[in-house]
Amino acid sequence: MNKYFSTLKKRANDRAKEATLSVLGINNPSLRSHLNQKMETDEKFINGPVFEQMFSWERDTNYQMQDLVSEGLLSQAVVDALDSDKNKRYAFKKTWHPFAHQYKAWNDLLKKR
């Protein structure tokens, strides 16, 4: 593999490690360090070139998260939980406009039931 892809692969692995540790919410420095080291020495997360999207997603300005309840796509409990102040990391306010591809995916998934 040429030098460019080796560098890209290393950066992708580093980002995958950090993202995984963050998503898991591991804040203990010793545990985080141990897992980081294990992820570095064990089999890598990313095994080939990775390309990230470089464009912005299109918002579906016709709908807000709250509207998806009446559309039957999300329950009120889910919308309330996503809007909660307790949910700082993954908060989606009731007035947030989902992306067009998200709305389409939710619609497509629920039509097949």
Protein backbone atom coordinates (compact mmCIF):
# COMPACT_ATOMS: atom_id res chain seq x y z
CA MET A 1 0.00 0.00 0.00
CA ASN A 2 1.41 3.37 -0.89
CA LYS A 3 2.35 5.96 1.72
CA TYR A 4 -0.79 8.04 1.19
CA PHE A 5 -3.14 5.18 2.03
CA SER A 6 -0.95 4.06 4.94
CA THR A 7 -1.31 7.52 6.47
CA LEU A 8 -5.04 7.57 5.71
CA LYS A 9 -5.48 4.13 7.29
CA LYS A 10 -3.59 5.20 10.43
CA ARG A 11 -5.72 8.34 10.80
CA ALA A 12 -8.93 6.36 10.21
CA ASN A 13 -7.93 3.85 12.89
CA ASP A 14 -7.07 6.63 15.33
CA ARG A 15 -10.44 8.30 14.71
CA ALA A 16 -12.31 4.99 15.02
CA LYS A 17 -10.60 4.27 18.35
CA GLU A 18 -11.38 7.71 19.75
CA ALA A 19 -14.97 7.62 18.50
CA THR A 20 -15.53 4.17 20.00
CA LEU A 21 -14.14 5.19 23.39
CA SER A 22 -16.26 8.35 23.33
CA VAL A 23 -19.47 6.58 22.33
CA LEU A 24 -18.91 4.04 25.09
CA GLY A 25 -18.54 6.96 27.53
CA ILE A 26 -15.33 5.64 29.05
CA ASN A 27 -14.00 8.47 31.21
CA ASN A 28 -11.77 6.55 33.61
CA PRO A 29 -8.23 7.48 32.47
CA SER A 30 -6.71 4.09 33.32
CA LEU A 31 -9.42 2.09 31.57
CA ARG A 32 -9.42 4.44 28.59
CA SER A 33 -5.63 4.13 28.27
CA HIS A 34 -5.78 0.34 28.54
CA LEU A 35 -8.51 0.03 25.89
CA ASN A 36 -6.72 2.52 23.65
CA GLN A 37 -3.56 0.42 23.87
CA LYS A 38 -5.50 -2.82 23.18
CA MET A 39 -7.13 -1.24 20.14
CA GLU A 40 -3.70 -0.18 18.90
CA THR A 41 -2.02 -3.57 19.28
CA ASP A 42 -4.90 -5.92 18.44
CA GLU A 43 -6.54 -6.21 15.03
CA LYS A 44 -7.21 -2.77 13.58
CA PHE A 45 -10.74 -1.42 13.14
CA ILE A 46 -10.11 -0.20 9.61
CA ASN A 47 -8.44 -2.53 7.14
CA GLY A 48 -8.49 -0.56 3.93
CA PRO A 49 -8.76 2.95 2.56
CA VAL A 50 -11.65 4.89 4.03
CA PHE A 51 -13.26 7.87 2.37
CA GLU A 52 -15.42 10.29 4.32
CA GLN A 53 -18.28 12.16 2.77
CA MET A 54 -17.29 15.70 1.92
CA PHE A 55 -20.68 17.19 1.21
CA SER A 56 -23.44 18.38 3.48
CA TRP A 57 -26.64 16.42 3.78
CA GLU A 58 -29.88 17.98 2.56
CA ARG A 59 -32.35 18.96 5.29
CA ASP A 60 -36.00 18.04 4.92
CA THR A 61 -37.43 21.45 5.74
CA ASN A 62 -40.99 20.15 5.50
CA TYR A 63 -40.72 18.30 8.82
CA GLN A 64 -39.45 18.87 12.31
CA MET A 65 -38.80 16.03 14.76
CA GLN A 66 -42.13 16.72 16.51
CA ASP A 67 -43.97 16.32 13.17
CA LEU A 68 -42.65 12.77 12.85
CA VAL A 69 -44.96 11.69 15.68
CA SER A 70 -48.11 12.60 13.74
CA GLU A 71 -46.51 11.05 10.65
CA GLY A 72 -46.24 7.79 12.60
CA LEU A 73 -42.48 7.59 12.12
CA LEU A 74 -41.36 8.18 15.71
CA SER A 75 -43.14 7.81 19.02
CA GLN A 76 -43.70 10.78 21.29
CA ALA A 77 -41.51 9.07 23.91
CA VAL A 78 -38.57 8.91 21.47
CA VAL A 79 -38.97 12.55 20.42
CA ASP A 80 -39.21 13.63 24.08
CA ALA A 81 -36.13 11.60 25.00
CA LEU A 82 -34.10 13.04 22.13
CA ASP A 83 -35.19 16.55 23.13
CA SER A 84 -34.32 16.06 26.81
CA ASP A 85 -31.72 18.24 28.49
CA LYS A 86 -30.30 15.02 29.98
CA ASN A 87 -29.46 13.87 26.46
CA LYS A 88 -26.65 16.35 25.75
CA ARG A 89 -24.52 14.15 23.50
CA TYR A 90 -27.24 13.06 21.08
CA ALA A 91 -29.85 15.76 21.52
CA PHE A 92 -32.28 16.40 18.69
CA LYS A 93 -34.64 19.20 19.62
CA LYS A 94 -38.30 18.88 18.67
CA THR A 95 -37.81 21.77 16.26
CA TRP A 96 -34.80 20.15 14.55
CA HIS A 97 -35.28 19.31 10.86
CA PRO A 98 -34.11 15.80 10.02
CA PHE A 99 -32.06 15.18 6.91
CA ALA A 100 -33.96 14.16 3.78
CA HIS A 101 -32.25 10.75 3.67
CA GLN A 102 -33.25 10.09 7.32
CA TYR A 103 -36.90 10.91 6.65
CA LYS A 104 -36.88 8.71 3.55
CA ALA A 105 -35.24 5.82 5.42
CA TRP A 106 -37.74 6.01 8.31
CA ASN A 107 -40.61 6.10 5.82
CA ASP A 108 -39.23 3.19 3.78
CA LEU A 109 -38.56 1.06 6.85
CA LEU A 110 -42.02 1.52 8.29
CA LYS A 111 -43.84 0.92 4.99
CA LYS A 112 -42.42 -2.61 4.83
CA ARG A 113 -43.98 -3.70 8.12
